[in-house]
Each structure stands twice: as C-alpha cells, then as structure tokens.
Amino acid sequence: MSTAVAKTPFVYASSLAIDVATMKLVPEADTIANETRVVFERISARLAHSGLTLRDVVKTTCYLSDESHLEEFVEAYEAVFAPGPYPVTSTLFLGIAGNCRVQVEVVAAS
C-alpha cells in the first residue's frame, strides 16, 4: 500500500497517526489537535520527497471517526494552512484503522 504517489503535475498523499507495528494511535496523538498535527507532519514529509510542501496542497479529503471531533479538528486544520489560502476540502465521518480518529488525504500540484 502506498502513502504517496506522484503523477505529474499532481502528488497524492495520505496519512494517519498510527503505529503500523501495533495498529494503534501513536502516543503523541493524545488529542484531536495533536493527532491532526501528526497527520500533517507525516503528509508534509511525504510531499517533500516530491519537492512539494503543504502550500502546494489544492484538495484535502478528511476523515473523522466521530462528528464530535469536528470543531477541534477544524481549528487544528486551519492552523496548518494559516494564513491561507485554504485547500478545497471534504470532511467525512467513518471508521478509521486502529483507534485513530483522523485520517487525511491530499492532492498537491507541482
């Protein structure tokens, strides 16, 4: 399974804050805000392999395990992309691997 694919001029990447050895949330993701931060740090690292940054993201699809996480997630998400412009986004609520609460996939343009 791939977590980043480059197809000029786009790079597609996704992440969640999971330890693949245990299939559990990583310890530093103790809040929704921190989990969101970890997810975007991982995405940022994947984009860097293609010479891109989060500023190159044009579209996000965000998955939350529960609607009650939305407000804290949105605050953390907006901090990641501040001061804007913000990518086009869709947010869905569904089950996520392990005990993760946040998963994000992005499309970045080179």
N, C-alpha and C. Protein backbone atom coordinates (compact mmCIF):
# COMPACT_ATOMS: atom_id res chain seq x y z
N MET A 1 0.84 -1.17 0.00
CA MET A 1 0.00 0.00 0.00
C MET A 1 0.89 1.23 0.00
N SER A 2 0.56 2.21 -0.83
CA SER A 2 1.36 3.42 -0.95
C SER A 2 0.73 4.56 -0.16
N THR A 3 1.59 5.41 0.41
CA THR A 3 1.09 6.58 1.13
C THR A 3 1.34 7.87 0.36
N ALA A 4 2.00 7.76 -0.81
CA ALA A 4 2.20 8.92 -1.67
C ALA A 4 2.50 8.43 -3.08
N VAL A 5 1.86 9.07 -4.07
CA VAL A 5 2.08 8.74 -5.47
C VAL A 5 2.18 10.04 -6.25
N ALA A 6 3.22 10.15 -7.07
CA ALA A 6 3.38 11.33 -7.92
C ALA A 6 2.90 11.01 -9.32
N LYS A 7 2.06 11.85 -9.86
CA LYS A 7 1.59 11.74 -11.23
C LYS A 7 1.54 13.16 -11.76
N THR A 8 2.61 13.58 -12.40
CA THR A 8 2.77 14.96 -12.82
C THR A 8 1.49 15.48 -13.45
N PRO A 9 1.03 16.64 -13.09
CA PRO A 9 1.62 17.59 -12.14
C PRO A 9 1.10 17.42 -10.71
N PHE A 10 0.50 16.28 -10.39
CA PHE A 10 -0.10 16.11 -9.07
C PHE A 10 0.64 15.07 -8.23
N VAL A 11 0.59 15.28 -6.92
CA VAL A 11 1.07 14.29 -5.95
C VAL A 11 -0.10 14.00 -5.02
N TYR A 12 -0.37 12.74 -4.82
CA TYR A 12 -1.44 12.30 -3.94
C TYR A 12 -0.80 11.67 -2.71
N ALA A 13 -1.21 12.10 -1.53
CA ALA A 13 -0.62 11.57 -0.30
C ALA A 13 -1.70 11.43 0.75
N SER A 14 -1.47 10.52 1.69
CA SER A 14 -2.40 10.35 2.80
C SER A 14 -1.64 9.91 4.04
N SER A 15 -2.28 10.09 5.18
CA SER A 15 -1.65 9.64 6.42
C SER A 15 -2.68 9.57 7.53
N LEU A 16 -2.30 8.84 8.54
CA LEU A 16 -2.99 8.83 9.81
C LEU A 16 -1.92 8.65 10.88
N ALA A 17 -2.28 8.88 12.11
CA ALA A 17 -1.30 8.87 13.21
C ALA A 17 -1.25 7.48 13.84
N ILE A 18 -0.89 6.50 13.04
CA ILE A 18 -0.90 5.12 13.52
C ILE A 18 0.51 4.55 13.59
N ASP A 19 0.74 3.72 14.57
CA ASP A 19 1.96 2.93 14.65
C ASP A 19 1.64 1.62 13.93
N VAL A 20 2.24 1.40 12.76
CA VAL A 20 1.87 0.23 11.97
C VAL A 20 2.24 -1.09 12.65
N ALA A 21 3.19 -1.07 13.57
CA ALA A 21 3.56 -2.29 14.29
C ALA A 21 2.45 -2.75 15.23
N THR A 22 1.77 -1.79 15.85
CA THR A 22 0.72 -2.13 16.82
C THR A 22 -0.69 -1.87 16.30
N MET A 23 -0.78 -1.11 15.17
CA MET A 23 -2.05 -0.67 14.62
C MET A 23 -2.85 0.16 15.64
N LYS A 24 -2.10 0.92 16.45
CA LYS A 24 -2.71 1.81 17.44
C LYS A 24 -2.23 3.24 17.21
N LEU A 25 -2.98 4.16 17.72
CA LEU A 25 -2.65 5.57 17.68
C LEU A 25 -1.29 5.80 18.34
N VAL A 26 -0.45 6.65 17.73
CA VAL A 26 0.84 6.96 18.34
C VAL A 26 0.62 7.79 19.61
N PRO A 27 1.47 7.65 20.62
CA PRO A 27 1.25 8.32 21.90
C PRO A 27 1.15 9.85 21.82
N GLU A 28 1.91 10.47 20.90
CA GLU A 28 1.88 11.93 20.82
C GLU A 28 0.58 12.47 20.24
N ALA A 29 -0.31 11.59 19.78
CA ALA A 29 -1.59 12.00 19.22
C ALA A 29 -2.69 11.87 20.29
N ASP A 30 -2.44 12.49 21.43
CA ASP A 30 -3.32 12.33 22.58
C ASP A 30 -4.59 13.18 22.52
N THR A 31 -4.62 14.18 21.66
CA THR A 31 -5.82 14.99 21.45
C THR A 31 -6.11 15.02 19.95
N ILE A 32 -7.28 15.47 19.57
CA ILE A 32 -7.60 15.59 18.15
C ILE A 32 -6.65 16.59 17.49
N ALA A 33 -6.36 17.70 18.17
CA ALA A 33 -5.43 18.69 17.62
C ALA A 33 -4.05 18.08 17.40
N ASN A 34 -3.54 17.34 18.37
CA ASN A 34 -2.22 16.73 18.23
C ASN A 34 -2.23 15.62 17.18
N GLU A 35 -3.30 14.88 17.11
CA GLU A 35 -3.41 13.84 16.08
C GLU A 35 -3.40 14.48 14.70
N THR A 36 -4.13 15.56 14.54
CA THR A 36 -4.15 16.29 13.26
C THR A 36 -2.77 16.80 12.92
N ARG A 37 -2.06 17.33 13.91
CA ARG A 37 -0.70 17.82 13.68
C ARG A 37 0.21 16.69 13.20
N VAL A 38 0.15 15.53 13.85
CA VAL A 38 0.97 14.38 13.45
C VAL A 38 0.64 13.96 12.02
N VAL A 39 -0.63 13.89 11.70
CA VAL A 39 -1.05 13.50 10.35
C VAL A 39 -0.44 14.45 9.32
N PHE A 40 -0.53 15.75 9.55
CA PHE A 40 0.00 16.70 8.58
C PHE A 40 1.53 16.74 8.57
N GLU A 41 2.18 16.45 9.68
CA GLU A 41 3.64 16.33 9.66
C GLU A 41 4.06 15.17 8.76
N ARG A 42 3.34 14.07 8.85
CA ARG A 42 3.64 12.90 8.01
C ARG A 42 3.35 13.19 6.55
N ILE A 43 2.25 13.86 6.27
CA ILE A 43 1.94 14.23 4.89
C ILE A 43 2.99 15.18 4.35
N SER A 44 3.38 16.14 5.15
CA SER A 44 4.42 17.10 4.74
C SER A 44 5.71 16.38 4.36
N ALA A 45 6.10 15.39 5.15
CA ALA A 45 7.32 14.62 4.85
C ALA A 45 7.17 13.87 3.53
N ARG A 46 5.99 13.34 3.27
CA ARG A 46 5.77 12.61 2.01
C ARG A 46 5.80 13.56 0.82
N LEU A 47 5.21 14.72 0.98
CA LEU A 47 5.24 15.71 -0.11
C LEU A 47 6.66 16.18 -0.39
N ALA A 48 7.46 16.31 0.65
CA ALA A 48 8.85 16.78 0.50
C ALA A 48 9.64 15.87 -0.44
N HIS A 49 9.33 14.58 -0.47
CA HIS A 49 10.02 13.65 -1.37
C HIS A 49 9.80 14.02 -2.83
N SER A 50 8.73 14.76 -3.11
CA SER A 50 8.45 15.21 -4.47
C SER A 50 8.76 16.69 -4.65
N GLY A 51 9.42 17.28 -3.66
CA GLY A 51 9.78 18.70 -3.75
C GLY A 51 8.63 19.64 -3.47
N LEU A 52 7.59 19.17 -2.79
CA LEU A 52 6.42 19.99 -2.51
C LEU A 52 6.26 20.23 -1.02
N THR A 53 5.40 21.17 -0.68
CA THR A 53 5.08 21.47 0.72
C THR A 53 3.56 21.50 0.88
N LEU A 54 3.12 21.71 2.08
CA LEU A 54 1.69 21.85 2.32
C LEU A 54 1.09 23.04 1.59
N ARG A 55 1.89 24.04 1.24
CA ARG A 55 1.42 25.19 0.47
C ARG A 55 1.00 24.79 -0.94
N ASP A 56 1.45 23.61 -1.39
CA ASP A 56 1.10 23.12 -2.73
C ASP A 56 -0.18 22.28 -2.73
N VAL A 57 -0.76 22.04 -1.56
CA VAL A 57 -1.97 21.24 -1.46
C VAL A 57 -3.16 22.04 -1.99
N VAL A 58 -3.90 21.42 -2.93
CA VAL A 58 -5.06 22.09 -3.51
C VAL A 58 -6.38 21.44 -3.09
N LYS A 59 -6.32 20.20 -2.58
CA LYS A 59 -7.53 19.48 -2.20
C LYS A 59 -7.23 18.54 -1.05
N THR A 60 -8.12 18.50 -0.08
CA THR A 60 -8.00 17.53 1.01
C THR A 60 -9.32 16.78 1.17
N THR A 61 -9.21 15.53 1.53
CA THR A 61 -10.36 14.76 1.97
C THR A 61 -10.02 14.31 3.38
N CYS A 62 -10.85 14.72 4.33
CA CYS A 62 -10.58 14.48 5.74
C CYS A 62 -11.61 13.51 6.29
N TYR A 63 -11.12 12.53 7.01
CA TYR A 63 -11.98 11.52 7.61
C TYR A 63 -11.87 11.62 9.13
N LEU A 64 -13.00 11.71 9.79
CA LEU A 64 -13.04 11.76 11.25
C LEU A 64 -13.89 10.59 11.73
N SER A 65 -13.48 10.00 12.84
CA SER A 65 -14.21 8.84 13.35
C SER A 65 -15.53 9.22 14.01
N ASP A 66 -15.67 10.50 14.37
CA ASP A 66 -16.88 10.92 15.06
C ASP A 66 -17.11 12.41 14.83
N GLU A 67 -18.33 12.79 14.61
CA GLU A 67 -18.66 14.18 14.36
C GLU A 67 -18.30 15.09 15.53
N SER A 68 -18.23 14.55 16.74
CA SER A 68 -17.88 15.35 17.91
C SER A 68 -16.45 15.88 17.86
N HIS A 69 -15.63 15.34 16.96
CA HIS A 69 -14.23 15.79 16.82
C HIS A 69 -14.09 16.97 15.86
N LEU A 70 -15.17 17.33 15.19
CA LEU A 70 -15.09 18.30 14.11
C LEU A 70 -14.53 19.65 14.52
N GLU A 71 -15.03 20.23 15.58
CA GLU A 71 -14.59 21.58 15.96
C GLU A 71 -13.10 21.62 16.26
N GLU A 72 -12.60 20.69 17.06
CA GLU A 72 -11.17 20.68 17.38
C GLU A 72 -10.33 20.38 16.15
N PHE A 73 -10.83 19.50 15.28
CA PHE A 73 -10.11 19.20 14.04
C PHE A 73 -10.01 20.44 13.15
N VAL A 74 -11.12 21.14 12.97
CA VAL A 74 -11.13 22.32 12.09
C VAL A 74 -10.15 23.38 12.60
N GLU A 75 -10.09 23.60 13.90
CA GLU A 75 -9.14 24.56 14.46
C GLU A 75 -7.70 24.15 14.14
N ALA A 76 -7.39 22.87 14.32
CA ALA A 76 -6.03 22.39 14.03
C ALA A 76 -5.74 22.43 12.54
N TYR A 77 -6.71 22.06 11.72
CA TYR A 77 -6.57 22.07 10.27
C TYR A 77 -6.28 23.49 9.78
N GLU A 78 -7.06 24.44 10.26
CA GLU A 78 -6.86 25.83 9.84
C GLU A 78 -5.49 26.35 10.26
N ALA A 79 -5.00 25.92 11.42
CA ALA A 79 -3.66 26.33 11.86
C ALA A 79 -2.58 25.79 10.92
N VAL A 80 -2.78 24.59 10.40
CA VAL A 80 -1.82 24.00 9.47
C VAL A 80 -1.68 24.85 8.21
N PHE A 81 -2.78 25.35 7.69
CA PHE A 81 -2.78 26.07 6.42
C PHE A 81 -2.82 27.59 6.57
N ALA A 82 -2.83 28.09 7.80
CA ALA A 82 -2.88 29.54 8.04
C ALA A 82 -1.65 30.20 7.43
N PRO A 83 -1.77 31.36 6.91
CA PRO A 83 -2.94 32.23 6.90
C PRO A 83 -3.85 32.00 5.69
N GLY A 84 -3.67 30.92 4.97
CA GLY A 84 -4.44 30.65 3.78
C GLY A 84 -3.60 30.96 2.55
N PRO A 85 -4.08 30.75 1.38
CA PRO A 85 -5.40 30.23 1.09
C PRO A 85 -5.53 28.77 1.53
N TYR A 86 -6.74 28.37 1.79
CA TYR A 86 -7.02 27.01 2.25
C TYR A 86 -7.40 26.12 1.07
N PRO A 87 -6.97 24.86 1.11
CA PRO A 87 -7.37 23.95 0.03
C PRO A 87 -8.87 23.68 0.06
N VAL A 88 -9.39 23.27 -1.08
CA VAL A 88 -10.76 22.77 -1.13
C VAL A 88 -10.79 21.51 -0.27
N THR A 89 -11.84 21.34 0.52
CA THR A 89 -11.88 20.18 1.42
C THR A 89 -13.25 19.53 1.48
N SER A 90 -13.21 18.25 1.73
CA SER A 90 -14.41 17.47 2.04
C SER A 90 -14.12 16.77 3.35
N THR A 91 -15.10 16.70 4.23
CA THR A 91 -14.93 16.01 5.51
C THR A 91 -16.02 14.95 5.64
N LEU A 92 -15.58 13.72 5.96
CA LEU A 92 -16.49 12.59 6.09
C LEU A 92 -16.32 11.96 7.46
N PHE A 93 -17.35 11.30 7.92
CA PHE A 93 -17.31 10.63 9.21
C PHE A 93 -17.47 9.13 8.97
N LEU A 94 -16.47 8.34 9.46
CA LEU A 94 -16.49 6.90 9.25
C LEU A 94 -15.47 6.22 10.14
N GLY A 95 -15.47 4.91 10.15
CA GLY A 95 -14.49 4.15 10.93
C GLY A 95 -13.10 4.29 10.31
N ILE A 96 -12.08 4.36 11.16
CA ILE A 96 -10.69 4.53 10.71
C ILE A 96 -9.87 3.42 11.36
N ALA A 97 -8.79 3.02 10.71
CA ALA A 97 -7.95 1.92 11.20
C ALA A 97 -7.48 2.13 12.63
N GLY A 98 -7.33 1.01 13.35
CA GLY A 98 -6.87 1.07 14.74
C GLY A 98 -7.82 1.92 15.56
N ASN A 99 -7.26 2.67 16.47
CA ASN A 99 -8.08 3.58 17.28
C ASN A 99 -7.88 5.03 16.84
N CYS A 100 -7.45 5.21 15.59
CA CYS A 100 -7.25 6.57 15.06
C CYS A 100 -8.59 7.27 14.90
N ARG A 101 -8.53 8.60 15.02
CA ARG A 101 -9.73 9.42 14.91
C ARG A 101 -9.69 10.34 13.71
N VAL A 102 -8.48 10.49 13.11
CA VAL A 102 -8.29 11.43 12.00
C VAL A 102 -7.47 10.75 10.91
N GLN A 103 -7.92 10.88 9.68
CA GLN A 103 -7.13 10.46 8.51
C GLN A 103 -7.34 11.53 7.45
N VAL A 104 -6.27 11.85 6.73
CA VAL A 104 -6.36 12.90 5.71
C VAL A 104 -5.66 12.41 4.46
N GLU A 105 -6.27 12.71 3.31
CA GLU A 105 -5.58 12.50 2.04
C GLU A 105 -5.57 13.84 1.32
N VAL A 106 -4.50 14.09 0.60
CA VAL A 106 -4.34 15.38 -0.08
C VAL A 106 -3.97 15.18 -1.53
N VAL A 107 -4.26 16.21 -2.32
CA VAL A 107 -3.78 16.33 -3.68
C VAL A 107 -2.97 17.62 -3.70
N ALA A 108 -1.72 17.51 -4.11
CA ALA A 108 -0.85 18.67 -4.23
C ALA A 108 -0.49 18.85 -5.70
N ALA A 109 -0.33 20.08 -6.13
CA ALA A 109 0.02 20.38 -7.51
C ALA A 109 1.42 20.97 -7.58
N SER A 110 2.19 20.44 -8.52
CA SER A 110 3.57 20.97 -8.68
C SER A 110 3.61 22.09 -9.66
